Amino acid sequence: MAKLMFTEEELALFQERFDANKNWTQWVRVTNRDGLDILSVDIEGRDRKTVRMTKKDGQGYLAKCVDEWGLAVSADFASLLDTVDDGSCAN
């Protein structure tokens, strides 16, 4: 299975969004045991949450909120970041 890694362009877009959003307080990039590339971002606000984003083979991108029932799937990374930014994946 090929590792699904975020590209330099995707990472640059993510960093741009992170820098522009004062509620996104910290982030980390990790690779799990299965080789899945994960961007995890802490978001402050009314309810503090952590959102983890990954690439899915043939399915685009996935974001899920840790310890919540939020989930978002998108065909492109910019749209997924829009969803995370407006808090839709936590609802």
C-alpha atoms as a PDB file:
ATOM      1  CA  MET A   1       0.000   0.000   0.000  1.00  0.00           C
ATOM      2  CA  ALA A   2       1.394   3.387  -0.980  1.00  0.00           C
ATOM      3  CA  LYS A   3       1.698   5.897   1.797  1.00  0.00           C
ATOM      4  CA  LEU A   4      -0.697   8.799   1.378  1.00  0.00           C
ATOM      5  CA  MET A   5       1.388  11.798   2.315  1.00  0.00           C
ATOM      6  CA  PHE A   6       0.389  15.455   2.165  1.00  0.00           C
ATOM      7  CA  THR A   7       2.185  17.286  -0.631  1.00  0.00           C
ATOM      8  CA  GLU A   8       4.315  20.393  -0.129  1.00  0.00           C
ATOM      9  CA  GLU A   9       1.523  22.443  -1.738  1.00  0.00           C
ATOM     10  CA  GLU A  10      -1.071  21.021   0.680  1.00  0.00           C
ATOM     11  CA  LEU A  11       1.199  21.698   3.645  1.00  0.00           C
ATOM     12  CA  ALA A  12       1.781  25.268   2.450  1.00  0.00           C
ATOM     13  CA  LEU A  13      -1.992  25.796   2.155  1.00  0.00           C
ATOM     14  CA  PHE A  14      -2.518  24.346   5.629  1.00  0.00           C
ATOM     15  CA  GLN A  15       0.211  26.593   7.108  1.00  0.00           C
ATOM     16  CA  GLU A  16      -1.340  29.622   5.400  1.00  0.00           C
ATOM     17  CA  ARG A  17      -4.745  28.796   6.943  1.00  0.00           C
ATOM     18  CA  PHE A  18      -3.186  28.118  10.341  1.00  0.00           C
ATOM     19  CA  ASP A  19      -1.383  31.463  10.325  1.00  0.00           C
ATOM     20  CA  ALA A  20      -4.560  33.302   9.313  1.00  0.00           C
ATOM     21  CA  ASN A  21      -6.848  31.735  11.936  1.00  0.00           C
ATOM     22  CA  LYS A  22      -6.341  32.975  15.497  1.00  0.00           C
ATOM     23  CA  ASN A  23      -8.480  30.127  16.878  1.00  0.00           C
ATOM     24  CA  TRP A  24      -6.114  27.475  15.499  1.00  0.00           C
ATOM     25  CA  THR A  25      -3.635  27.407  18.390  1.00  0.00           C
ATOM     26  CA  GLN A  26      -1.197  24.592  17.610  1.00  0.00           C
ATOM     27  CA  TRP A  27      -0.672  21.755  15.183  1.00  0.00           C
ATOM     28  CA  VAL A  28       1.400  18.648  14.711  1.00  0.00           C
ATOM     29  CA  ARG A  29       2.072  16.283  11.816  1.00  0.00           C
ATOM     30  CA  VAL A  30       2.504  12.588  12.579  1.00  0.00           C
ATOM     31  CA  THR A  31       2.613   9.293  10.718  1.00  0.00           C
ATOM     32  CA  ASN A  32       0.851   6.395  12.417  1.00  0.00           C
ATOM     33  CA  ARG A  33       1.911   2.732  12.426  1.00  0.00           C
ATOM     34  CA  ASP A  34       0.032   2.105   9.189  1.00  0.00           C
ATOM     35  CA  GLY A  35       1.864   4.934   7.417  1.00  0.00           C
ATOM     36  CA  LEU A  36      -1.110   7.319   7.492  1.00  0.00           C
ATOM     37  CA  ASP A  37      -0.032  10.984   7.333  1.00  0.00           C
ATOM     38  CA  ILE A  38      -2.041  12.987   9.912  1.00  0.00           C
ATOM     39  CA  LEU A  39      -2.337  16.733  10.469  1.00  0.00           C
ATOM     40  CA  SER A  40      -3.744  17.408  13.921  1.00  0.00           C
ATOM     41  CA  VAL A  41      -4.813  20.941  14.858  1.00  0.00           C
ATOM     42  CA  ASP A  42      -6.109  22.294  18.180  1.00  0.00           C
ATOM     43  CA  ILE A  43      -8.917  24.810  17.809  1.00  0.00           C
ATOM     44  CA  GLU A  44     -10.000  27.185  20.570  1.00  0.00           C
ATOM     45  CA  GLY A  45     -13.406  28.789  20.810  1.00  0.00           C
ATOM     46  CA  ARG A  46     -16.635  28.123  22.627  1.00  0.00           C
ATOM     47  CA  ASP A  47     -15.652  24.469  22.797  1.00  0.00           C
ATOM     48  CA  ARG A  48     -11.998  23.515  22.474  1.00  0.00           C
ATOM     49  CA  LYS A  49     -11.447  20.664  20.035  1.00  0.00           C
ATOM     50  CA  THR A  50      -8.769  18.789  18.153  1.00  0.00           C
ATOM     51  CA  VAL A  51      -9.312  17.966  14.496  1.00  0.00           C
ATOM     52  CA  ARG A  52      -7.285  15.333  12.665  1.00  0.00           C
ATOM     53  CA  MET A  53      -7.022  15.457   8.876  1.00  0.00           C
ATOM     54  CA  THR A  54      -5.827  12.689   6.542  1.00  0.00           C
ATOM     55  CA  LYS A  55      -5.768  11.822   2.855  1.00  0.00           C
ATOM     56  CA  LYS A  56      -7.891   8.874   1.773  1.00  0.00           C
ATOM     57  CA  ASP A  57      -6.941   6.730  -1.209  1.00  0.00           C
ATOM     58  CA  GLY A  58      -9.413   7.471  -3.992  1.00  0.00           C
ATOM     59  CA  GLN A  59     -11.707   9.335  -1.607  1.00  0.00           C
ATOM     60  CA  GLY A  60     -10.092  12.740  -1.189  1.00  0.00           C
ATOM     61  CA  TYR A  61      -9.639  14.031   2.357  1.00  0.00           C
ATOM     62  CA  LEU A  62     -11.107  13.255   5.762  1.00  0.00           C
ATOM     63  CA  ALA A  63     -11.323  15.350   8.941  1.00  0.00           C
ATOM     64  CA  LYS A  64     -12.608  14.099  12.254  1.00  0.00           C
ATOM     65  CA  CYS A  65     -12.923  15.707  15.637  1.00  0.00           C
ATOM     66  CA  VAL A  66     -11.263  13.877  18.486  1.00  0.00           C
ATOM     67  CA  ASP A  67     -13.717  12.819  21.236  1.00  0.00           C
ATOM     68  CA  GLU A  68     -16.673  14.129  19.224  1.00  0.00           C
ATOM     69  CA  TRP A  69     -18.972  12.758  16.555  1.00  0.00           C
ATOM     70  CA  GLY A  70     -17.830  15.227  13.919  1.00  0.00           C
ATOM     71  CA  LEU A  71     -16.711  14.020  10.504  1.00  0.00           C
ATOM     72  CA  ALA A  72     -16.119  15.727   7.158  1.00  0.00           C
ATOM     73  CA  VAL A  73     -15.080  14.328   3.781  1.00  0.00           C
ATOM     74  CA  SER A  74     -14.057  16.420   0.787  1.00  0.00           C
ATOM     75  CA  ALA A  75     -12.667  15.849  -2.692  1.00  0.00           C
ATOM     76  CA  ASP A  76     -10.185  18.731  -2.326  1.00  0.00           C
ATOM     77  CA  PHE A  77      -8.049  19.921   0.562  1.00  0.00           C
ATOM     78  CA  ALA A  78      -9.071  23.603   0.392  1.00  0.00           C
ATOM     79  CA  SER A  79     -12.739  22.650   0.833  1.00  0.00           C
ATOM     80  CA  LEU A  80     -11.871  20.425   3.773  1.00  0.00           C
ATOM     81  CA  LEU A  81      -9.985  23.310   5.414  1.00  0.00           C
ATOM     82  CA  ASP A  82     -13.034  25.542   4.845  1.00  0.00           C
ATOM     83  CA  THR A  83     -15.194  22.988   6.671  1.00  0.00           C
ATOM     84  CA  VAL A  84     -12.742  22.717   9.557  1.00  0.00           C
ATOM     85  CA  ASP A  85     -12.375  26.500   9.700  1.00  0.00           C
ATOM     86  CA  ASP A  86     -16.119  27.122  10.021  1.00  0.00           C
ATOM     87  CA  GLY A  87     -16.535  24.348  12.603  1.00  0.00           C
ATOM     88  CA  SER A  88     -18.857  22.193  10.486  1.00  0.00           C
ATOM     89  CA  CYS A  89     -17.000  18.965  11.211  1.00  0.00           C
ATOM     90  CA  ALA A  90     -17.807  19.316  14.924  1.00  0.00           C
ATOM     91  CA  ASN A  91     -21.564  19.532  14.491  1.00  0.00           C
END
